[in-house]
Amino acid sequence: MKETIVTKSVNTKILAEAIVFIALANVLYVTSKFYFGFLHLPQGGSVTLASMVPLLWFALRRGPRWGVEAGIVYGLVHMVISGDIYYPTQILLDYPLAFGALGLAGAFQKRPVVGVGVGIIGRFIFHFISGVIFFGQYAWEGWNVYVYSAAYNATYLIPEFVVSAIIIFILLKRNLLYIYT
């Protein structure tokens, strides 16, 4: 398929939009981590000031392809900012793949709260696998590594889901966000 000037213009607009949403997500994360001292767990993961909302909204607005791509870029930037790297091979699961999974929300444009749930469950799956493979030695005494990884990651992703779903729902109900372009 030959790309036209109009197609290039639309792609440039979407790319610029993605950059803004990625930057906003990072500002919310940094503000949460360094200024408000929200829950930040010892092996990574934290409850933030709704830092996933910009990525989820972008995915809902532009679809899963653009959402996953923006999530991957955010994951790489987040990796540099957070500094929560314990193993070189852990990087792939905990950053580009986990945050890229948030873009799956874009497959549910007609049901945004379901999309938020799917995106965060996707993120949970990658963090869960990473927890089992790389962080099993940190399991609490008497805890199975699978249960530990699920519990550890749920401690911050469940609150993140609740906050993100509520914010997306309110913004859509008040017509402050438009996801259909």
Protein backbone atom coordinates (compact mmCIF):
# COMPACT_ATOMS: atom_id res chain seq x y z
CA MET A 1 0.00 0.00 0.00
CA LYS A 2 1.43 3.31 -1.05
CA GLU A 3 1.57 5.93 1.69
CA THR A 4 -0.03 9.23 0.80
CA ILE A 5 0.64 12.71 2.14
CA VAL A 6 -2.59 12.47 4.16
CA THR A 7 -1.52 9.16 5.72
CA LYS A 8 1.88 10.58 6.65
CA SER A 9 0.18 13.62 8.18
CA VAL A 10 -2.15 11.45 10.27
CA ASN A 11 0.74 9.23 11.41
CA THR A 12 2.75 12.31 12.40
CA LYS A 13 -0.21 13.59 14.41
CA ILE A 14 -0.63 10.24 16.19
CA LEU A 15 3.11 10.02 16.87
CA ALA A 16 3.11 13.52 18.37
CA GLU A 17 0.10 12.57 20.47
CA ALA A 18 1.91 9.43 21.67
CA ILE A 19 4.92 11.48 22.74
CA VAL A 20 2.70 13.79 24.80
CA PHE A 21 0.93 10.87 26.50
CA ILE A 22 4.23 9.08 27.22
CA ALA A 23 5.66 12.27 28.72
CA LEU A 24 2.55 12.82 30.86
CA ALA A 25 2.67 9.23 32.13
CA ASN A 26 6.32 9.71 33.10
CA VAL A 27 5.60 13.01 34.87
CA LEU A 28 2.86 11.30 36.90
CA TYR A 29 5.20 8.41 37.74
CA VAL A 30 8.12 10.64 38.76
CA THR A 31 5.84 12.89 40.80
CA SER A 32 4.42 9.84 42.58
CA LYS A 33 7.77 8.24 43.28
CA PHE A 34 9.92 11.19 44.23
CA TYR A 35 7.55 13.80 45.63
CA PHE A 36 4.64 12.00 47.24
CA GLY A 37 6.36 8.82 48.42
CA PHE A 38 3.50 6.54 47.39
CA LEU A 39 3.89 2.82 47.88
CA HIS A 40 7.10 1.72 46.15
CA LEU A 41 7.92 -1.95 46.64
CA PRO A 42 11.48 -3.19 47.25
CA GLN A 43 11.86 -5.21 44.02
CA GLY A 44 10.00 -2.68 41.88
CA GLY A 45 6.39 -1.80 41.33
CA SER A 46 4.51 1.09 42.88
CA VAL A 47 1.17 2.75 43.35
CA THR A 48 1.26 6.02 41.42
CA LEU A 49 -0.77 9.13 40.74
CA ALA A 50 -2.62 7.36 37.92
CA SER A 51 0.47 7.18 35.72
CA MET A 52 -1.10 4.50 33.52
CA VAL A 53 -4.14 6.64 32.62
CA PRO A 54 -2.42 8.56 29.78
CA LEU A 55 -1.20 5.32 28.18
CA LEU A 56 -4.56 3.60 28.58
CA TRP A 57 -6.42 6.60 27.19
CA PHE A 58 -4.05 6.80 24.22
CA ALA A 59 -4.61 3.09 23.52
CA LEU A 60 -8.38 3.51 23.79
CA ARG A 61 -8.19 6.52 21.49
CA ARG A 62 -5.83 5.11 18.83
CA GLY A 63 -6.24 1.34 19.03
CA PRO A 64 -4.06 -1.56 20.12
CA ARG A 65 -1.28 -1.16 17.53
CA TRP A 66 -0.45 2.41 18.51
CA GLY A 67 -1.21 1.67 22.17
CA VAL A 68 1.24 -1.23 22.34
CA GLU A 69 3.93 0.77 20.56
CA ALA A 70 3.49 3.73 22.94
CA GLY A 71 3.55 1.33 25.90
CA ILE A 72 6.83 -0.20 24.72
CA VAL A 73 8.44 3.23 24.40
CA TYR A 74 7.09 4.25 27.81
CA GLY A 75 8.48 1.01 29.27
CA LEU A 76 11.97 1.79 27.99
CA VAL A 77 11.85 5.34 29.35
CA HIS A 78 10.39 4.06 32.64
CA MET A 79 13.24 1.55 32.92
CA VAL A 80 15.79 4.36 32.79
CA ILE A 81 13.89 6.50 35.30
CA SER A 82 12.95 3.80 37.82
CA GLY A 83 16.30 2.06 38.04
CA ASP A 84 14.61 -1.17 39.19
CA ILE A 85 16.83 -3.51 37.17
CA TYR A 86 18.10 -6.64 38.88
CA TYR A 87 18.89 -8.96 35.97
CA PRO A 88 19.67 -8.05 32.35
CA THR A 89 17.15 -10.56 30.97
CA GLN A 90 14.45 -9.26 33.34
CA ILE A 91 14.42 -5.98 31.41
CA LEU A 92 12.37 -7.40 28.51
CA LEU A 93 9.55 -8.77 30.68
CA ASP A 94 9.28 -5.93 33.19
CA TYR A 95 9.56 -2.96 30.87
CA PRO A 96 8.74 -3.08 27.13
CA LEU A 97 6.49 -6.16 27.27
CA ALA A 98 4.67 -5.30 30.51
CA PHE A 99 3.98 -1.69 29.60
CA GLY A 100 3.35 -2.57 25.96
CA ALA A 101 0.55 -4.85 27.20
CA LEU A 102 -1.29 -1.76 28.45
CA GLY A 103 -1.90 -0.99 24.78
CA LEU A 104 -4.23 -4.00 24.58
CA ALA A 105 -6.83 -1.69 26.11
CA GLY A 106 -7.21 -0.25 22.62
CA ALA A 107 -8.96 -3.41 21.46
CA PHE A 108 -11.89 -2.45 23.71
CA GLN A 109 -12.72 1.06 22.56
CA LYS A 110 -16.45 0.46 22.97
CA ARG A 111 -15.96 -0.78 26.57
CA PRO A 112 -13.19 1.41 28.02
CA VAL A 113 -13.27 0.08 31.60
CA VAL A 114 -12.96 -3.47 30.26
CA GLY A 115 -10.05 -2.23 28.14
CA VAL A 116 -8.38 -0.79 31.24
CA GLY A 117 -8.78 -4.17 32.94
CA VAL A 118 -7.39 -6.10 29.97
CA GLY A 119 -4.39 -3.77 29.68
CA ILE A 120 -3.55 -4.04 33.36
CA ILE A 121 -4.07 -7.82 33.37
CA GLY A 122 -1.64 -8.00 30.44
CA ARG A 123 0.87 -5.98 32.42
CA PHE A 124 0.28 -8.23 35.45
CA ILE A 125 1.02 -11.36 33.41
CA PHE A 126 4.46 -10.13 32.34
CA HIS A 127 5.37 -8.94 35.85
CA PHE A 128 4.09 -12.26 37.26
CA ILE A 129 6.30 -14.28 34.90
CA SER A 130 9.27 -12.07 35.74
CA GLY A 131 8.56 -12.52 39.44
CA VAL A 132 8.50 -16.29 39.15
CA ILE A 133 11.68 -16.47 37.04
CA PHE A 134 13.82 -13.75 38.58
CA PHE A 135 12.49 -12.92 42.04
CA GLY A 136 11.57 -16.30 43.51
CA GLN A 137 14.37 -16.04 46.07
CA TYR A 138 12.56 -13.05 47.62
CA ALA A 139 9.41 -15.09 48.29
CA TRP A 140 8.17 -14.71 51.83
CA GLU A 141 8.95 -17.66 54.06
CA GLY A 142 6.55 -20.52 53.44
CA TRP A 143 5.13 -18.95 50.27
CA ASN A 144 5.07 -20.76 46.94
CA VAL A 145 6.91 -18.71 44.29
CA TYR A 146 3.79 -18.49 42.09
CA VAL A 147 1.56 -17.29 44.92
CA TYR A 148 4.26 -14.86 46.04
CA SER A 149 4.65 -13.36 42.57
CA ALA A 150 0.88 -13.02 42.15
CA ALA A 151 0.44 -11.43 45.60
CA TYR A 152 3.43 -9.11 45.22
CA ASN A 153 2.32 -7.77 41.84
CA ALA A 154 -1.34 -7.55 42.88
CA THR A 155 -0.43 -5.25 45.81
CA TYR A 156 0.23 -2.39 43.42
CA LEU A 157 -1.60 -3.37 40.23
CA ILE A 158 -5.03 -3.78 41.85
CA PRO A 159 -4.94 -0.22 43.28
CA GLU A 160 -3.59 1.01 39.92
CA PHE A 161 -6.52 -0.67 38.14
CA VAL A 162 -9.09 0.80 40.53
CA VAL A 163 -7.68 4.33 40.23
CA SER A 164 -7.23 4.10 36.44
CA ALA A 165 -10.69 2.63 35.81
CA ILE A 166 -12.40 5.24 37.99
CA ILE A 167 -10.55 8.13 36.35
CA ILE A 168 -11.20 6.90 32.80
CA PHE A 169 -14.87 6.28 33.66
CA ILE A 170 -15.37 9.75 35.20
CA LEU A 171 -13.56 11.55 32.39
CA LEU A 172 -15.62 9.75 29.76
CA LYS A 173 -18.92 10.32 31.60
CA ARG A 174 -18.19 14.03 31.90
CA ASN A 175 -17.18 14.17 28.23
CA LEU A 176 -13.71 15.38 29.15
CA LEU A 177 -11.99 12.65 27.14
CA TYR A 178 -12.81 11.62 23.64
CA ILE A 179 -11.60 8.24 22.56
CA TYR A 180 -13.28 8.12 19.18
CA THR A 181 -11.38 10.14 16.58
